[in-house]
Amino acid sequence: MIRAPRRDELERLRDIERAAGVLFAEAGMPEVAAHEPDPAEALARYADAGRAWVVAIEDVPVGYALVDIVDGDAHLEQISVHPDAGRRGLGTMLLHHVCSWARDQGYQAVTLSTFADLAWNAPFYAKQGFRVMTEDELGPELRVLRDEETAHGLDPARRVCMSATLGR
């Protein structure tokens, strides 16, 4: 059910992210919903690096995850599930897959940045074993990512960086 994306599915991944953006519009954040997903070429780079996965139903992607390497840790860059496939645990499956991959690759932690106050963001990750990082714990690359988010209009007061330590 979880596998690498195929080249002919990359536009579908962009459609999944757009559809998932509707949830942000419904939460009063239309600017987040309007954000255009990464182009297919960028998604292809993740796939080529072995850091992209889809969750599929009947071999059709309904969700995906992308991972960067930030400050020497795996960093969940994106995770999206189409709302039509939501509430089935597929996002949780993707997250667990990312964490297992990161552990198998020898990373000590998975980090991410997310909205603190949206149920499907920080509270969801907290239930999965992630914790909010203190300012002192942020590495230089994660600080740059946070600053880039702010420059793109995301309110830093509503954002948190989180981390899950990976056991052996």
C-alpha atoms as a PDB file:
ATOM      1  CA  MET A   1       0.000   0.000   0.000  1.00  0.00           C
ATOM      2  CA  ILE A   2       2.996   2.341   0.525  1.00  0.00           C
ATOM      3  CA  ARG A   3       5.489   2.564  -2.327  1.00  0.00           C
ATOM      4  CA  ALA A   4       7.643   4.946  -4.317  1.00  0.00           C
ATOM      5  CA  PRO A   5       5.750   7.200  -6.717  1.00  0.00           C
ATOM      6  CA  ARG A   6       5.957   6.574 -10.450  1.00  0.00           C
ATOM      7  CA  ARG A   7       6.831   9.416 -12.821  1.00  0.00           C
ATOM      8  CA  ASP A   8       3.354   9.402 -14.338  1.00  0.00           C
ATOM      9  CA  GLU A   9       1.832   9.997 -10.869  1.00  0.00           C
ATOM     10  CA  LEU A  10       3.650  13.215  -9.960  1.00  0.00           C
ATOM     11  CA  GLU A  11       0.865  15.511 -11.180  1.00  0.00           C
ATOM     12  CA  ARG A  12      -1.569  13.410  -9.154  1.00  0.00           C
ATOM     13  CA  LEU A  13       0.506  14.177  -6.050  1.00  0.00           C
ATOM     14  CA  ARG A  14       0.157  17.881  -6.770  1.00  0.00           C
ATOM     15  CA  ASP A  15      -3.629  17.387  -7.082  1.00  0.00           C
ATOM     16  CA  ILE A  16      -3.664  15.596  -3.706  1.00  0.00           C
ATOM     17  CA  GLU A  17      -1.925  18.536  -2.046  1.00  0.00           C
ATOM     18  CA  ARG A  18      -4.334  21.021  -3.632  1.00  0.00           C
ATOM     19  CA  ALA A  19      -7.327  18.989  -2.426  1.00  0.00           C
ATOM     20  CA  ALA A  20      -5.848  18.699   1.069  1.00  0.00           C
ATOM     21  CA  GLY A  21      -5.451  22.485   1.065  1.00  0.00           C
ATOM     22  CA  VAL A  22      -9.222  22.825   1.254  1.00  0.00           C
ATOM     23  CA  LEU A  23      -8.969  21.893   4.932  1.00  0.00           C
ATOM     24  CA  PHE A  24      -6.837  24.996   5.519  1.00  0.00           C
ATOM     25  CA  ALA A  25      -9.380  27.192   3.742  1.00  0.00           C
ATOM     26  CA  GLU A  26     -12.111  25.740   5.951  1.00  0.00           C
ATOM     27  CA  ALA A  27      -9.940  26.560   8.993  1.00  0.00           C
ATOM     28  CA  GLY A  28      -9.766  30.220   7.965  1.00  0.00           C
ATOM     29  CA  MET A  29      -6.397  30.027   6.264  1.00  0.00           C
ATOM     30  CA  PRO A  30      -7.158  30.589   2.558  1.00  0.00           C
ATOM     31  CA  GLU A  31      -3.606  31.787   1.895  1.00  0.00           C
ATOM     32  CA  VAL A  32      -2.246  28.377   2.893  1.00  0.00           C
ATOM     33  CA  ALA A  33      -4.874  26.635   0.777  1.00  0.00           C
ATOM     34  CA  ALA A  34      -3.928  28.788  -2.218  1.00  0.00           C
ATOM     35  CA  HIS A  35      -0.239  27.857  -2.017  1.00  0.00           C
ATOM     36  CA  GLU A  36       0.729  26.048  -5.207  1.00  0.00           C
ATOM     37  CA  PRO A  37       2.359  22.632  -4.653  1.00  0.00           C
ATOM     38  CA  ASP A  38       5.939  22.004  -5.731  1.00  0.00           C
ATOM     39  CA  PRO A  39       6.287  21.388  -9.469  1.00  0.00           C
ATOM     40  CA  ALA A  40       6.494  17.815 -10.733  1.00  0.00           C
ATOM     41  CA  GLU A  41      10.220  18.265 -11.397  1.00  0.00           C
ATOM     42  CA  ALA A  42      10.832  18.934  -7.697  1.00  0.00           C
ATOM     43  CA  LEU A  43       8.759  15.890  -6.731  1.00  0.00           C
ATOM     44  CA  ALA A  44      10.807  13.834  -9.190  1.00  0.00           C
ATOM     45  CA  ARG A  45      14.002  14.861  -7.380  1.00  0.00           C
ATOM     46  CA  TYR A  46      12.579  13.486  -4.114  1.00  0.00           C
ATOM     47  CA  ALA A  47      11.596  10.261  -5.864  1.00  0.00           C
ATOM     48  CA  ASP A  48      15.018   9.944  -7.506  1.00  0.00           C
ATOM     49  CA  ALA A  49      16.665  10.398  -4.091  1.00  0.00           C
ATOM     50  CA  GLY A  50      14.465   7.674  -2.561  1.00  0.00           C
ATOM     51  CA  ARG A  51      12.757  10.157  -0.236  1.00  0.00           C
ATOM     52  CA  ALA A  52       9.196  10.135  -1.611  1.00  0.00           C
ATOM     53  CA  TRP A  53       6.399   7.665  -0.949  1.00  0.00           C
ATOM     54  CA  VAL A  54       2.752   7.320  -1.837  1.00  0.00           C
ATOM     55  CA  VAL A  55      -0.018   5.522  -0.051  1.00  0.00           C
ATOM     56  CA  ALA A  56      -2.258   3.976  -2.686  1.00  0.00           C
ATOM     57  CA  ILE A  57      -5.680   2.412  -2.787  1.00  0.00           C
ATOM     58  CA  GLU A  58      -6.083  -0.023  -5.685  1.00  0.00           C
ATOM     59  CA  ASP A  59      -2.712   1.271  -6.930  1.00  0.00           C
ATOM     60  CA  VAL A  60      -3.971   4.875  -7.159  1.00  0.00           C
ATOM     61  CA  PRO A  61      -2.105   7.353  -4.911  1.00  0.00           C
ATOM     62  CA  VAL A  62      -4.323   9.050  -2.330  1.00  0.00           C
ATOM     63  CA  GLY A  63      -1.538  10.475  -0.182  1.00  0.00           C
ATOM     64  CA  TYR A  64       2.177  11.116  -0.204  1.00  0.00           C
ATOM     65  CA  ALA A  65       5.161  12.100   1.918  1.00  0.00           C
ATOM     66  CA  LEU A  66       8.457  13.827   1.108  1.00  0.00           C
ATOM     67  CA  VAL A  67      11.587  13.884   3.255  1.00  0.00           C
ATOM     68  CA  ASP A  68      14.545  16.273   3.284  1.00  0.00           C
ATOM     69  CA  ILE A  69      17.727  15.944   5.310  1.00  0.00           C
ATOM     70  CA  VAL A  70      17.996  18.923   7.686  1.00  0.00           C
ATOM     71  CA  ASP A  71      20.721  19.355  10.304  1.00  0.00           C
ATOM     72  CA  GLY A  72      21.632  15.696   9.883  1.00  0.00           C
ATOM     73  CA  ASP A  73      18.108  14.452  10.632  1.00  0.00           C
ATOM     74  CA  ALA A  74      15.288  13.252   8.412  1.00  0.00           C
ATOM     75  CA  HIS A  75      12.849  16.141   8.008  1.00  0.00           C
ATOM     76  CA  LEU A  76       9.237  15.568   6.956  1.00  0.00           C
ATOM     77  CA  GLU A  77       8.907  18.202   4.258  1.00  0.00           C
ATOM     78  CA  GLN A  78       5.392  17.321   3.167  1.00  0.00           C
ATOM     79  CA  ILE A  79       2.666  14.860   3.981  1.00  0.00           C
ATOM     80  CA  SER A  80      -0.733  15.105   2.345  1.00  0.00           C
ATOM     81  CA  VAL A  81      -3.736  12.814   2.084  1.00  0.00           C
ATOM     82  CA  HIS A  82      -6.650  13.524  -0.225  1.00  0.00           C
ATOM     83  CA  PRO A  83      -9.680  14.460   1.912  1.00  0.00           C
ATOM     84  CA  ASP A  84     -11.765  11.779   0.152  1.00  0.00           C
ATOM     85  CA  ALA A  85      -9.398   9.204   1.674  1.00  0.00           C
ATOM     86  CA  GLY A  86      -9.040  10.947   5.016  1.00  0.00           C
ATOM     87  CA  ARG A  87      -9.818   9.608   8.457  1.00  0.00           C
ATOM     88  CA  ARG A  88      -8.648   6.091   7.551  1.00  0.00           C
ATOM     89  CA  GLY A  89      -5.227   6.189   9.172  1.00  0.00           C
ATOM     90  CA  LEU A  90      -3.392   6.624   5.861  1.00  0.00           C
ATOM     91  CA  GLY A  91      -1.509   9.709   7.026  1.00  0.00           C
ATOM     92  CA  THR A  92      -0.458   7.820  10.140  1.00  0.00           C
ATOM     93  CA  MET A  93       0.725   4.918   7.981  1.00  0.00           C
ATOM     94  CA  LEU A  94       2.795   7.306   5.855  1.00  0.00           C
ATOM     95  CA  LEU A  95       4.277   8.952   8.931  1.00  0.00           C
ATOM     96  CA  HIS A  96       5.225   5.595  10.432  1.00  0.00           C
ATOM     97  CA  HIS A  97       6.766   4.585   7.113  1.00  0.00           C
ATOM     98  CA  VAL A  98       8.880   7.755   7.070  1.00  0.00           C
ATOM     99  CA  CYS A  99      10.037   7.126  10.639  1.00  0.00           C
ATOM    100  CA  SER A 100      10.907   3.491   9.857  1.00  0.00           C
ATOM    101  CA  TRP A 101      12.813   4.547   6.750  1.00  0.00           C
ATOM    102  CA  ALA A 102      14.710   7.193   8.727  1.00  0.00           C
ATOM    103  CA  ARG A 103      15.599   4.683  11.458  1.00  0.00           C
ATOM    104  CA  ASP A 104      16.761   2.162   8.845  1.00  0.00           C
ATOM    105  CA  GLN A 105      18.934   4.854   7.241  1.00  0.00           C
ATOM    106  CA  GLY A 106      20.594   5.564  10.586  1.00  0.00           C
ATOM    107  CA  TYR A 107      18.998   8.926  11.365  1.00  0.00           C
ATOM    108  CA  GLN A 108      18.524   9.734  15.031  1.00  0.00           C
ATOM    109  CA  ALA A 109      15.330  11.779  14.643  1.00  0.00           C
ATOM    110  CA  VAL A 110      12.611  13.004  12.329  1.00  0.00           C
ATOM    111  CA  THR A 111      11.817  16.707  12.451  1.00  0.00           C
ATOM    112  CA  LEU A 112       9.051  18.785  10.925  1.00  0.00           C
ATOM    113  CA  SER A 113       7.444  22.194  11.109  1.00  0.00           C
ATOM    114  CA  THR A 114       3.706  22.552  11.383  1.00  0.00           C
ATOM    115  CA  PHE A 115       0.811  24.617  12.683  1.00  0.00           C
ATOM    116  CA  ALA A 116       0.518  24.462  16.451  1.00  0.00           C
ATOM    117  CA  ASP A 117      -3.228  24.909  16.658  1.00  0.00           C
ATOM    118  CA  LEU A 118      -4.735  22.748  13.897  1.00  0.00           C
ATOM    119  CA  ALA A 119      -5.928  19.314  14.983  1.00  0.00           C
ATOM    120  CA  TRP A 120      -4.404  17.551  11.974  1.00  0.00           C
ATOM    121  CA  ASN A 121      -1.049  19.263  12.538  1.00  0.00           C
ATOM    122  CA  ALA A 122       0.840  19.532  15.873  1.00  0.00           C
ATOM    123  CA  PRO A 123      -1.771  17.660  17.959  1.00  0.00           C
ATOM    124  CA  PHE A 124      -1.730  14.808  15.421  1.00  0.00           C
ATOM    125  CA  TYR A 125       2.065  14.603  15.479  1.00  0.00           C
ATOM    126  CA  ALA A 126       2.127  14.766  19.285  1.00  0.00           C
ATOM    127  CA  LYS A 127      -0.100  11.673  19.382  1.00  0.00           C
ATOM    128  CA  GLN A 128       2.483   9.968  17.171  1.00  0.00           C
ATOM    129  CA  GLY A 129       5.353  10.665  19.575  1.00  0.00           C
ATOM    130  CA  PHE A 130       6.605  14.023  18.299  1.00  0.00           C
ATOM    131  CA  ARG A 131       7.335  16.856  20.710  1.00  0.00           C
ATOM    132  CA  VAL A 132       7.699  20.590  20.239  1.00  0.00           C
ATOM    133  CA  MET A 133      11.343  21.604  20.033  1.00  0.00           C
ATOM    134  CA  THR A 134      12.713  24.457  22.106  1.00  0.00           C
ATOM    135  CA  GLU A 135      14.459  27.355  20.407  1.00  0.00           C
ATOM    136  CA  ASP A 136      17.824  26.055  21.672  1.00  0.00           C
ATOM    137  CA  GLU A 137      17.238  22.678  20.000  1.00  0.00           C
ATOM    138  CA  LEU A 138      16.788  24.106  16.502  1.00  0.00           C
ATOM    139  CA  GLY A 139      19.776  23.563  14.250  1.00  0.00           C
ATOM    140  CA  PRO A 140      20.909  26.192  11.744  1.00  0.00           C
ATOM    141  CA  GLU A 141      19.202  24.583   8.752  1.00  0.00           C
ATOM    142  CA  LEU A 142      15.902  24.200  10.592  1.00  0.00           C
ATOM    143  CA  ARG A 143      16.112  27.873  11.586  1.00  0.00           C
ATOM    144  CA  VAL A 144      16.575  28.799   7.919  1.00  0.00           C
ATOM    145  CA  LEU A 145      13.513  26.721   6.969  1.00  0.00           C
ATOM    146  CA  ARG A 146      11.477  28.437   9.652  1.00  0.00           C
ATOM    147  CA  ASP A 147      12.638  31.848   8.407  1.00  0.00           C
ATOM    148  CA  GLU A 148      11.711  30.886   4.833  1.00  0.00           C
ATOM    149  CA  GLU A 149       8.219  29.906   5.988  1.00  0.00           C
ATOM    150  CA  THR A 150       7.846  33.300   7.623  1.00  0.00           C
ATOM    151  CA  ALA A 151       9.068  35.037   4.466  1.00  0.00           C
ATOM    152  CA  HIS A 152       6.384  33.141   2.529  1.00  0.00           C
ATOM    153  CA  GLY A 153       3.695  34.543   4.806  1.00  0.00           C
ATOM    154  CA  LEU A 154       3.255  31.851   7.436  1.00  0.00           C
ATOM    155  CA  ASP A 155       2.683  33.351  10.867  1.00  0.00           C
ATOM    156  CA  PRO A 156       5.604  32.226  13.075  1.00  0.00           C
ATOM    157  CA  ALA A 157       3.418  32.607  16.167  1.00  0.00           C
ATOM    158  CA  ARG A 158       1.253  29.762  14.854  1.00  0.00           C
ATOM    159  CA  ARG A 159       4.119  27.474  13.818  1.00  0.00           C
ATOM    160  CA  VAL A 160       6.184  24.979  15.789  1.00  0.00           C
ATOM    161  CA  CYS A 161       9.088  22.708  14.989  1.00  0.00           C
ATOM    162  CA  MET A 162       8.696  19.187  16.278  1.00  0.00           C
ATOM    163  CA  SER A 163      10.952  16.170  16.609  1.00  0.00           C
ATOM    164  CA  ALA A 164      10.601  12.456  17.239  1.00  0.00           C
ATOM    165  CA  THR A 165      13.656  10.589  18.471  1.00  0.00           C
ATOM    166  CA  LEU A 166      14.066   7.257  16.704  1.00  0.00           C
ATOM    167  CA  GLY A 167      14.873   4.226  18.803  1.00  0.00           C
ATOM    168  CA  ARG A 168      16.975   1.381  17.506  1.00  0.00           C
END
